[in-house]
Amino acid sequence: MKKLSVFNFITLNGYYKSLQGDIGWHQHGEEENAFSAENMKRENILVFGRVTYEMMAGFWPTPFAMERDPLTAAGMNNAEKIVFSKTMKKPEWNNTRLINEHAVEEMAKLKLSSSKDLTILGSGSLWPEFAKAGLIDEFSFMIDPVAISHGVPIFNGIDTMMKLKLTGTRTFKSGTVLMTYSRE
């Protein structure tokens, strides 16, 4: 069985986006860009909900993204991707497979049948459903040294206690801290 992990940026006060959906508070520096490029070498299947998918598909294939962060852009564009959406008709970003229904059941099948590990990027309304079903193996949170006044909590939608075990930390020069947890 392959591993399913979640990777998300959050504020110090635990929000992954503002109430309006803004993530402009997250800032990547050179060290964070190198970290992202290194992670792309793992060649995990990237998993998205529709909103995050559309944001990523609108950025990574652009000339600006290729100029700003060419290694991560190449990795994102070449990666195998899955988008879960009940409303999307056809994904436009290359190497993308669309799953329209039965998300939890389909993810359980993917974990059993996939030849690669799977990583959910962002997608804060998608991964809580997988977490409730016990499908998430690892959570990685890149905590930015910023607080915002109002936002959506990272564990929004989780209605039962999840016990987690800290398995790794990394501090970046910018003050951003990466914390990785596995389920107990």
N, C-alpha and C. Protein backbone atom coordinates (compact mmCIF):
# COMPACT_ATOMS: atom_id res chain seq x y z
N MET A 1 0.85 -1.18 0.00
CA MET A 1 0.00 0.00 0.00
C MET A 1 0.89 1.24 0.00
N LYS A 2 0.54 2.20 -0.83
CA LYS A 2 1.31 3.43 -0.93
C LYS A 2 0.85 4.44 0.11
N LYS A 3 1.74 5.38 0.39
CA LYS A 3 1.50 6.40 1.41
C LYS A 3 0.75 7.58 0.81
N LEU A 4 -0.20 8.12 1.58
CA LEU A 4 -0.92 9.34 1.22
C LEU A 4 -0.54 10.41 2.22
N SER A 5 0.02 11.50 1.72
CA SER A 5 0.43 12.60 2.59
C SER A 5 -0.27 13.89 2.18
N VAL A 6 -0.30 14.82 3.14
CA VAL A 6 -0.86 16.16 2.92
C VAL A 6 0.26 17.15 3.11
N PHE A 7 0.36 18.13 2.22
CA PHE A 7 1.32 19.22 2.38
C PHE A 7 0.55 20.52 2.25
N ASN A 8 0.72 21.40 3.26
CA ASN A 8 -0.02 22.66 3.23
C ASN A 8 0.79 23.76 3.91
N PHE A 9 0.60 24.99 3.45
CA PHE A 9 1.16 26.17 4.08
C PHE A 9 0.14 26.65 5.11
N ILE A 10 0.62 27.10 6.28
CA ILE A 10 -0.30 27.66 7.26
C ILE A 10 0.35 28.86 7.94
N THR A 11 -0.50 29.68 8.53
CA THR A 11 -0.04 30.82 9.31
C THR A 11 0.29 30.35 10.73
N LEU A 12 0.97 31.19 11.49
CA LEU A 12 1.25 30.86 12.88
C LEU A 12 -0.02 30.61 13.69
N ASN A 13 -1.11 31.28 13.32
CA ASN A 13 -2.35 31.07 14.05
C ASN A 13 -3.25 30.01 13.41
N GLY A 14 -2.66 29.14 12.56
CA GLY A 14 -3.34 27.94 12.12
C GLY A 14 -4.27 28.02 10.94
N TYR A 15 -4.19 29.09 10.15
CA TYR A 15 -5.06 29.22 8.98
C TYR A 15 -4.30 28.82 7.71
N TYR A 16 -5.01 28.15 6.79
CA TYR A 16 -4.37 27.80 5.52
C TYR A 16 -4.76 28.75 4.39
N LYS A 17 -5.77 29.58 4.64
CA LYS A 17 -6.15 30.63 3.69
C LYS A 17 -7.00 31.64 4.42
N SER A 18 -7.10 32.84 3.83
CA SER A 18 -7.99 33.85 4.41
C SER A 18 -9.43 33.44 4.10
N LEU A 19 -10.39 34.13 4.68
CA LEU A 19 -11.79 33.84 4.41
C LEU A 19 -12.15 34.06 2.94
N GLN A 20 -11.37 34.93 2.27
CA GLN A 20 -11.59 35.18 0.85
C GLN A 20 -10.79 34.22 -0.05
N GLY A 21 -10.04 33.31 0.55
CA GLY A 21 -9.26 32.34 -0.21
C GLY A 21 -7.84 32.77 -0.52
N ASP A 22 -7.42 33.91 -0.01
CA ASP A 22 -6.09 34.44 -0.30
C ASP A 22 -4.99 33.66 0.43
N ILE A 23 -3.91 33.35 -0.29
CA ILE A 23 -2.72 32.75 0.33
C ILE A 23 -1.50 33.61 0.03
N GLY A 24 -1.72 34.87 -0.30
CA GLY A 24 -0.63 35.79 -0.63
C GLY A 24 0.32 36.03 0.52
N TRP A 25 -0.07 35.69 1.72
CA TRP A 25 0.80 35.84 2.89
C TRP A 25 1.96 34.84 2.86
N HIS A 26 1.82 33.77 2.09
CA HIS A 26 2.89 32.77 2.03
C HIS A 26 3.99 33.25 1.09
N GLN A 27 5.21 33.27 1.57
CA GLN A 27 6.34 33.74 0.77
C GLN A 27 7.41 32.66 0.69
N HIS A 28 7.77 32.30 -0.52
CA HIS A 28 8.85 31.34 -0.74
C HIS A 28 10.13 32.11 -1.06
N GLY A 29 11.21 31.75 -0.39
CA GLY A 29 12.52 32.29 -0.71
C GLY A 29 13.32 31.24 -1.46
N GLU A 30 14.60 31.52 -1.68
CA GLU A 30 15.45 30.59 -2.41
C GLU A 30 15.54 29.23 -1.73
N GLU A 31 15.67 29.22 -0.42
CA GLU A 31 15.79 27.97 0.31
C GLU A 31 14.50 27.14 0.20
N GLU A 32 13.36 27.78 0.30
CA GLU A 32 12.09 27.07 0.16
C GLU A 32 11.90 26.57 -1.28
N ASN A 33 12.34 27.37 -2.26
CA ASN A 33 12.26 26.92 -3.66
C ASN A 33 13.12 25.67 -3.88
N ALA A 34 14.31 25.66 -3.30
CA ALA A 34 15.18 24.48 -3.42
C ALA A 34 14.54 23.26 -2.76
N PHE A 35 13.89 23.47 -1.62
CA PHE A 35 13.17 22.39 -0.94
C PHE A 35 12.06 21.84 -1.84
N SER A 36 11.28 22.73 -2.46
CA SER A 36 10.20 22.30 -3.35
C SER A 36 10.74 21.52 -4.53
N ALA A 37 11.81 22.02 -5.14
CA ALA A 37 12.40 21.32 -6.29
C ALA A 37 12.90 19.94 -5.88
N GLU A 38 13.50 19.84 -4.71
CA GLU A 38 13.98 18.54 -4.22
C GLU A 38 12.82 17.57 -4.02
N ASN A 39 11.71 18.06 -3.47
CA ASN A 39 10.54 17.20 -3.26
C ASN A 39 9.94 16.71 -4.56
N MET A 40 10.04 17.50 -5.61
CA MET A 40 9.50 17.09 -6.90
C MET A 40 10.25 15.87 -7.45
N LYS A 41 11.47 15.66 -7.02
CA LYS A 41 12.26 14.52 -7.49
C LYS A 41 11.70 13.19 -6.99
N ARG A 42 10.87 13.24 -5.94
CA ARG A 42 10.26 12.00 -5.43
C ARG A 42 9.24 11.42 -6.40
N GLU A 43 8.75 12.26 -7.31
CA GLU A 43 7.81 11.86 -8.34
C GLU A 43 6.52 11.27 -7.78
N ASN A 44 6.06 11.80 -6.65
CA ASN A 44 4.76 11.39 -6.12
C ASN A 44 3.66 11.83 -7.07
N ILE A 45 2.55 11.13 -7.02
CA ILE A 45 1.36 11.59 -7.73
C ILE A 45 0.80 12.75 -6.94
N LEU A 46 0.54 13.87 -7.60
CA LEU A 46 0.01 15.06 -6.93
C LEU A 46 -1.51 15.01 -6.97
N VAL A 47 -2.13 15.29 -5.83
CA VAL A 47 -3.58 15.19 -5.69
C VAL A 47 -4.11 16.57 -5.29
N PHE A 48 -5.23 16.95 -5.93
CA PHE A 48 -5.81 18.26 -5.69
C PHE A 48 -7.33 18.18 -5.60
N GLY A 49 -7.92 19.13 -4.89
CA GLY A 49 -9.32 19.46 -5.05
C GLY A 49 -9.40 20.46 -6.20
N ARG A 50 -10.59 20.75 -6.65
CA ARG A 50 -10.76 21.60 -7.83
C ARG A 50 -10.17 23.01 -7.65
N VAL A 51 -10.45 23.65 -6.51
CA VAL A 51 -10.01 25.03 -6.32
C VAL A 51 -8.48 25.12 -6.36
N THR A 52 -7.80 24.27 -5.61
CA THR A 52 -6.33 24.30 -5.61
C THR A 52 -5.80 23.91 -6.99
N TYR A 53 -6.41 22.92 -7.61
CA TYR A 53 -5.99 22.50 -8.95
C TYR A 53 -6.05 23.68 -9.92
N GLU A 54 -7.16 24.40 -9.93
CA GLU A 54 -7.30 25.52 -10.86
C GLU A 54 -6.27 26.61 -10.58
N MET A 55 -5.97 26.85 -9.29
CA MET A 55 -4.95 27.84 -8.95
C MET A 55 -3.58 27.38 -9.46
N MET A 56 -3.24 26.13 -9.20
CA MET A 56 -1.94 25.60 -9.63
C MET A 56 -1.83 25.54 -11.15
N ALA A 57 -2.89 25.08 -11.80
CA ALA A 57 -2.90 24.97 -13.27
C ALA A 57 -2.82 26.35 -13.92
N GLY A 58 -3.27 27.37 -13.21
CA GLY A 58 -3.20 28.74 -13.73
C GLY A 58 -1.84 29.39 -13.52
N PHE A 59 -0.99 28.76 -12.70
CA PHE A 59 0.32 29.35 -12.41
C PHE A 59 1.48 28.56 -13.00
N TRP A 60 1.60 27.27 -12.68
CA TRP A 60 2.82 26.53 -13.01
C TRP A 60 3.13 26.40 -14.49
N PRO A 61 2.17 26.34 -15.38
CA PRO A 61 2.52 26.27 -16.81
C PRO A 61 2.92 27.61 -17.44
N THR A 62 2.89 28.70 -16.67
CA THR A 62 3.15 30.02 -17.25
C THR A 62 4.65 30.30 -17.40
N PRO A 63 5.01 31.18 -18.32
CA PRO A 63 6.40 31.59 -18.44
C PRO A 63 6.94 32.23 -17.15
N PHE A 64 6.09 32.96 -16.42
CA PHE A 64 6.51 33.57 -15.16
C PHE A 64 6.97 32.50 -14.17
N ALA A 65 6.20 31.42 -14.03
CA ALA A 65 6.56 30.34 -13.11
C ALA A 65 7.86 29.67 -13.55
N MET A 66 8.01 29.46 -14.85
CA MET A 66 9.23 28.82 -15.36
C MET A 66 10.45 29.70 -15.10
N GLU A 67 10.28 31.01 -15.18
CA GLU A 67 11.39 31.93 -14.92
C GLU A 67 11.68 32.03 -13.42
N ARG A 68 10.64 32.10 -12.62
CA ARG A 68 10.79 32.30 -11.17
C ARG A 68 11.35 31.06 -10.47
N ASP A 69 10.86 29.88 -10.85
CA ASP A 69 11.24 28.64 -10.17
C ASP A 69 11.22 27.50 -11.18
N PRO A 70 12.21 27.45 -12.07
CA PRO A 70 12.16 26.50 -13.19
C PRO A 70 12.15 25.03 -12.79
N LEU A 71 12.86 24.65 -11.74
CA LEU A 71 12.89 23.23 -11.36
C LEU A 71 11.54 22.77 -10.81
N THR A 72 10.95 23.56 -9.93
CA THR A 72 9.64 23.19 -9.39
C THR A 72 8.59 23.24 -10.49
N ALA A 73 8.65 24.25 -11.34
CA ALA A 73 7.67 24.36 -12.44
C ALA A 73 7.75 23.14 -13.35
N ALA A 74 8.94 22.73 -13.70
CA ALA A 74 9.08 21.54 -14.55
C ALA A 74 8.53 20.31 -13.85
N GLY A 75 8.83 20.17 -12.57
CA GLY A 75 8.32 19.04 -11.81
C GLY A 75 6.81 19.03 -11.72
N MET A 76 6.23 20.19 -11.45
CA MET A 76 4.77 20.28 -11.35
C MET A 76 4.11 19.98 -12.69
N ASN A 77 4.66 20.53 -13.75
CA ASN A 77 4.06 20.34 -15.07
C ASN A 77 4.19 18.91 -15.58
N ASN A 78 5.27 18.24 -15.22
CA ASN A 78 5.49 16.87 -15.70
C ASN A 78 4.88 15.81 -14.79
N ALA A 79 4.55 16.17 -13.58
CA ALA A 79 4.04 15.20 -12.60
C ALA A 79 2.70 14.62 -13.03
N GLU A 80 2.49 13.38 -12.61
CA GLU A 80 1.17 12.79 -12.72
C GLU A 80 0.29 13.48 -11.69
N LYS A 81 -0.93 13.88 -12.10
CA LYS A 81 -1.82 14.64 -11.23
C LYS A 81 -3.22 14.01 -11.23
N ILE A 82 -3.87 14.11 -10.09
CA ILE A 82 -5.27 13.70 -9.97
C ILE A 82 -6.02 14.86 -9.36
N VAL A 83 -7.16 15.20 -9.95
CA VAL A 83 -8.03 16.23 -9.38
C VAL A 83 -9.37 15.59 -9.06
N PHE A 84 -9.83 15.83 -7.82
CA PHE A 84 -11.14 15.37 -7.38
C PHE A 84 -12.10 16.54 -7.50
N SER A 85 -13.13 16.38 -8.30
CA SER A 85 -14.11 17.45 -8.48
C SER A 85 -15.43 16.88 -8.96
N LYS A 86 -16.50 17.34 -8.36
CA LYS A 86 -17.84 16.94 -8.80
C LYS A 86 -18.34 17.82 -9.93
N THR A 87 -17.68 18.98 -10.15
CA THR A 87 -18.19 19.94 -11.14
C THR A 87 -17.31 20.07 -12.37
N MET A 88 -16.04 19.76 -12.28
CA MET A 88 -15.14 19.91 -13.42
C MET A 88 -15.50 18.89 -14.51
N LYS A 89 -15.46 19.34 -15.74
CA LYS A 89 -15.77 18.45 -16.87
C LYS A 89 -14.52 17.82 -17.47
N LYS A 90 -13.49 18.65 -17.67
CA LYS A 90 -12.27 18.15 -18.29
C LYS A 90 -11.08 18.97 -17.79
N PRO A 91 -10.10 18.32 -17.19
CA PRO A 91 -8.92 19.07 -16.74
C PRO A 91 -8.06 19.46 -17.94
N GLU A 92 -7.48 20.65 -17.88
CA GLU A 92 -6.68 21.16 -19.00
C GLU A 92 -5.18 20.98 -18.80
N TRP A 93 -4.73 20.85 -17.57
CA TRP A 93 -3.30 20.74 -17.28
C TRP A 93 -2.84 19.34 -17.66
N ASN A 94 -1.70 19.25 -18.32
CA ASN A 94 -1.23 17.95 -18.81
C ASN A 94 -1.03 16.95 -17.67
N ASN A 95 -1.14 15.69 -18.02
CA ASN A 95 -0.93 14.56 -17.09
C ASN A 95 -1.91 14.54 -15.93
N THR A 96 -3.14 15.01 -16.17
CA THR A 96 -4.14 15.08 -15.10
C THR A 96 -5.27 14.10 -15.35
N ARG A 97 -5.61 13.37 -14.31
CA ARG A 97 -6.76 12.46 -14.32
C ARG A 97 -7.83 13.07 -13.42
N LEU A 98 -9.07 13.01 -13.86
CA LEU A 98 -10.21 13.57 -13.12
C LEU A 98 -11.00 12.46 -12.46
N ILE A 99 -11.32 12.63 -11.18
CA ILE A 99 -12.22 11.72 -10.47
C ILE A 99 -13.39 12.56 -10.00
N ASN A 100 -14.61 12.22 -10.48
CA ASN A 100 -15.80 13.03 -10.23
C ASN A 100 -16.64 12.59 -9.04
N GLU A 101 -16.51 11.35 -8.60
CA GLU A 101 -17.40 10.90 -7.52
C GLU A 101 -16.72 9.83 -6.69
N HIS A 102 -17.32 9.58 -5.53
CA HIS A 102 -16.83 8.55 -4.61
C HIS A 102 -15.37 8.78 -4.23
N ALA A 103 -15.05 9.99 -3.81
CA ALA A 103 -13.66 10.37 -3.54
C ALA A 103 -12.98 9.45 -2.53
N VAL A 104 -13.63 9.17 -1.42
CA VAL A 104 -13.01 8.35 -0.37
C VAL A 104 -12.74 6.94 -0.89
N GLU A 105 -13.72 6.36 -1.55
CA GLU A 105 -13.55 5.00 -2.08
C GLU A 105 -12.47 4.96 -3.16
N GLU A 106 -12.44 5.98 -4.01
CA GLU A 106 -11.44 6.03 -5.08
C GLU A 106 -10.03 6.21 -4.50
N MET A 107 -9.90 7.03 -3.45
CA MET A 107 -8.58 7.21 -2.85
C MET A 107 -8.12 5.92 -2.19
N ALA A 108 -9.02 5.21 -1.55
CA ALA A 108 -8.65 3.93 -0.94
C ALA A 108 -8.13 2.97 -2.01
N LYS A 109 -8.78 2.94 -3.17
CA LYS A 109 -8.33 2.09 -4.27
C LYS A 109 -6.96 2.54 -4.79
N LEU A 110 -6.78 3.86 -4.90
CA LEU A 110 -5.50 4.39 -5.39
C LEU A 110 -4.35 3.99 -4.47
N LYS A 111 -4.58 4.08 -3.17
CA LYS A 111 -3.52 3.70 -2.22
C LYS A 111 -3.12 2.24 -2.40
N LEU A 112 -4.07 1.40 -2.75
CA LEU A 112 -3.78 -0.02 -2.94
C LEU A 112 -3.15 -0.33 -4.29
N SER A 113 -3.55 0.41 -5.32
CA SER A 113 -3.13 0.06 -6.68
C SER A 113 -1.99 0.90 -7.25
N SER A 114 -1.71 2.04 -6.65
CA SER A 114 -0.72 2.96 -7.21
C SER A 114 0.70 2.40 -7.10
N SER A 115 1.50 2.74 -8.08
CA SER A 115 2.92 2.38 -8.03
C SER A 115 3.75 3.47 -7.35
N LYS A 116 3.09 4.61 -7.05
CA LYS A 116 3.78 5.75 -6.43
C LYS A 116 3.02 6.23 -5.21
N ASP A 117 3.73 6.90 -4.30
CA ASP A 117 3.08 7.57 -3.19
C ASP A 117 2.27 8.74 -3.72
N LEU A 118 1.31 9.20 -2.93
CA LEU A 118 0.42 10.29 -3.33
C LEU A 118 0.56 11.44 -2.35
N THR A 119 0.58 12.67 -2.87
CA THR A 119 0.68 13.86 -2.03
C THR A 119 -0.43 14.83 -2.39
N ILE A 120 -1.24 15.17 -1.38
CA ILE A 120 -2.28 16.18 -1.55
C ILE A 120 -1.64 17.53 -1.28
N LEU A 121 -1.71 18.42 -2.25
CA LEU A 121 -1.19 19.78 -2.08
C LEU A 121 -2.35 20.71 -1.79
N GLY A 122 -2.28 21.40 -0.66
CA GLY A 122 -3.36 22.32 -0.29
C GLY A 122 -4.66 21.57 -0.15
N SER A 123 -5.68 22.01 -0.89
CA SER A 123 -6.94 21.28 -1.01
C SER A 123 -7.59 21.02 0.35
N GLY A 124 -7.75 22.08 1.12
CA GLY A 124 -8.25 21.99 2.48
C GLY A 124 -9.67 21.50 2.63
N SER A 125 -10.46 21.50 1.58
CA SER A 125 -11.81 20.95 1.70
C SER A 125 -11.83 19.48 1.27
N LEU A 126 -10.78 18.99 0.64
CA LEU A 126 -10.73 17.60 0.17
C LEU A 126 -10.13 16.67 1.22
N TRP A 127 -8.95 17.00 1.72
CA TRP A 127 -8.24 16.04 2.55
C TRP A 127 -8.92 15.71 3.88
N PRO A 128 -9.74 16.60 4.48
CA PRO A 128 -10.41 16.18 5.72
C PRO A 128 -11.30 14.94 5.54
N GLU A 129 -11.90 14.80 4.35
CA GLU A 129 -12.71 13.60 4.10
C GLU A 129 -11.84 12.35 4.12
N PHE A 130 -10.65 12.45 3.54
CA PHE A 130 -9.73 11.31 3.56
C PHE A 130 -9.21 11.05 4.97
N ALA A 131 -8.98 12.11 5.73
CA ALA A 131 -8.50 11.96 7.10
C ALA A 131 -9.55 11.26 7.97
N LYS A 132 -10.81 11.66 7.82
CA LYS A 132 -11.88 11.03 8.59
C LYS A 132 -11.97 9.53 8.29
N ALA A 133 -11.64 9.14 7.07
CA ALA A 133 -11.69 7.73 6.68
C ALA A 133 -10.40 6.99 7.04
N GLY A 134 -9.44 7.68 7.67
CA GLY A 134 -8.20 7.05 8.08
C GLY A 134 -7.22 6.79 6.94
N LEU A 135 -7.34 7.55 5.85
CA LEU A 135 -6.50 7.32 4.67
C LEU A 135 -5.21 8.13 4.66
N ILE A 136 -5.13 9.19 5.47
CA ILE A 136 -3.93 10.05 5.48
C ILE A 136 -2.87 9.42 6.38
N ASP A 137 -1.68 9.26 5.84
CA ASP A 137 -0.57 8.68 6.60
C ASP A 137 0.34 9.73 7.21
N GLU A 138 0.44 10.90 6.56
CA GLU A 138 1.41 11.91 6.99
C GLU A 138 0.89 13.30 6.66
N PHE A 139 1.17 14.23 7.58
CA PHE A 139 0.83 15.64 7.39
C PHE A 139 2.11 16.45 7.46
N SER A 140 2.34 17.32 6.49
CA SER A 140 3.47 18.25 6.53
C SER A 140 2.91 19.66 6.41
N PHE A 141 3.28 20.50 7.38
CA PHE A 141 2.81 21.88 7.41
C PHE A 141 4.00 22.81 7.38
N MET A 142 4.02 23.70 6.39
CA MET A 142 5.04 24.73 6.30
C MET A 142 4.43 25.96 6.97
N ILE A 143 4.92 26.27 8.17
CA ILE A 143 4.34 27.34 8.97
C ILE A 143 5.09 28.64 8.73
N ASP A 144 4.38 29.60 8.13
CA ASP A 144 4.97 30.89 7.83
C ASP A 144 4.94 31.79 9.07
N PRO A 145 5.96 32.62 9.27
CA PRO A 145 5.99 33.50 10.44
C PRO A 145 5.09 34.72 10.23
N VAL A 146 3.80 34.46 10.12
CA VAL A 146 2.81 35.51 9.89
C VAL A 146 1.50 35.07 10.55
N ALA A 147 0.74 36.03 11.01
CA ALA A 147 -0.61 35.77 11.51
C ALA A 147 -1.57 36.65 10.73
N ILE A 148 -2.74 36.10 10.41
CA ILE A 148 -3.75 36.89 9.72
C ILE A 148 -4.97 36.99 10.62
N SER A 149 -5.80 38.01 10.40
CA SER A 149 -6.89 38.28 11.32
C SER A 149 -8.02 37.27 11.22
N HIS A 150 -8.35 36.81 10.04
CA HIS A 150 -9.46 35.86 9.87
C HIS A 150 -9.08 34.88 8.77
N GLY A 151 -9.39 33.61 9.00
CA GLY A 151 -9.07 32.63 7.98
C GLY A 151 -9.78 31.31 8.23
N VAL A 152 -9.40 30.33 7.42
CA VAL A 152 -9.98 29.00 7.52
C VAL A 152 -8.96 28.12 8.24
N PRO A 153 -9.35 27.52 9.37
CA PRO A 153 -8.41 26.69 10.13
C PRO A 153 -7.96 25.47 9.34
N ILE A 154 -6.72 25.08 9.54
CA ILE A 154 -6.14 23.96 8.80
C ILE A 154 -6.93 22.67 9.00
N PHE A 155 -7.45 22.43 10.17
CA PHE A 155 -8.20 21.20 10.42
C PHE A 155 -9.71 21.43 10.35
N ASN A 156 -10.12 22.41 9.55
CA ASN A 156 -11.53 22.68 9.33
C ASN A 156 -12.20 21.44 8.74
N GLY A 157 -13.30 21.02 9.34
CA GLY A 157 -14.01 19.85 8.84
C GLY A 157 -13.67 18.56 9.56
N ILE A 158 -12.66 18.59 10.44
CA ILE A 158 -12.33 17.41 11.21
C ILE A 158 -13.22 17.42 12.46
N ASP A 159 -14.04 16.39 12.62
CA ASP A 159 -14.99 16.39 13.72
C ASP A 159 -14.68 15.37 14.81
N THR A 160 -13.55 14.69 14.69
CA THR A 160 -13.11 13.78 15.74
C THR A 160 -11.64 14.06 16.03
N MET A 161 -11.18 13.63 17.19
CA MET A 161 -9.78 13.85 17.55
C MET A 161 -8.88 12.97 16.70
N MET A 162 -7.81 13.58 16.22
CA MET A 162 -6.78 12.85 15.49
C MET A 162 -5.50 12.97 16.30
N LYS A 163 -4.96 11.85 16.72
CA LYS A 163 -3.69 11.88 17.45
C LYS A 163 -2.57 11.78 16.43
N LEU A 164 -1.63 12.72 16.52
CA LEU A 164 -0.51 12.79 15.59
C LEU A 164 0.80 12.70 16.34
N LYS A 165 1.81 12.20 15.67
CA LYS A 165 3.15 12.08 16.24
C LYS A 165 4.12 12.89 15.39
N LEU A 166 4.86 13.80 16.02
CA LEU A 166 5.85 14.60 15.31
C LEU A 166 6.98 13.69 14.83
N THR A 167 7.24 13.72 13.52
CA THR A 167 8.29 12.87 12.95
C THR A 167 9.44 13.65 12.33
N GLY A 168 9.27 14.97 12.19
CA GLY A 168 10.36 15.76 11.64
C GLY A 168 10.08 17.24 11.69
N THR A 169 11.18 18.02 11.75
CA THR A 169 11.08 19.48 11.69
C THR A 169 12.24 20.00 10.85
N ARG A 170 12.02 21.15 10.27
CA ARG A 170 13.08 21.84 9.54
C ARG A 170 12.79 23.33 9.63
N THR A 171 13.81 24.09 9.95
CA THR A 171 13.67 25.54 10.03
C THR A 171 14.41 26.17 8.85
N PHE A 172 13.73 27.06 8.16
CA PHE A 172 14.31 27.78 7.03
C PHE A 172 14.82 29.14 7.50
N LYS A 173 15.77 29.71 6.79
CA LYS A 173 16.35 31.00 7.16
C LYS A 173 15.31 32.11 7.26
N SER A 174 14.23 31.97 6.51
CA SER A 174 13.17 32.98 6.50
C SER A 174 12.36 33.00 7.80
N GLY A 175 12.53 31.96 8.62
CA GLY A 175 11.73 31.82 9.82
C GLY A 175 10.57 30.85 9.63
N THR A 176 10.37 30.40 8.41
CA THR A 176 9.36 29.38 8.13
C THR A 176 9.82 28.06 8.72
N VAL A 177 8.89 27.31 9.30
CA VAL A 177 9.21 26.02 9.91
C VAL A 177 8.35 24.95 9.28
N LEU A 178 8.98 23.86 8.87
CA LEU A 178 8.28 22.70 8.35
C LEU A 178 8.12 21.69 9.48
N MET A 179 6.89 21.27 9.71
CA MET A 179 6.62 20.26 10.74
C MET A 179 5.91 19.10 10.07
N THR A 180 6.40 17.88 10.32
CA THR A 180 5.82 16.68 9.72
C THR A 180 5.32 15.76 10.82
N TYR A 181 4.12 15.25 10.63
CA TYR A 181 3.46 14.39 11.60
C TYR A 181 2.94 13.13 10.91
N SER A 182 2.96 12.03 11.65
CA SER A 182 2.28 10.82 11.19
C SER A 182 1.12 10.56 12.15
N ARG A 183 0.19 9.75 11.71
CA ARG A 183 -0.92 9.37 12.59
C ARG A 183 -0.43 8.35 13.59
N GLU A 184 -0.90 8.46 14.81
CA GLU A 184 -0.54 7.46 15.84
C GLU A 184 -1.42 6.25 15.68
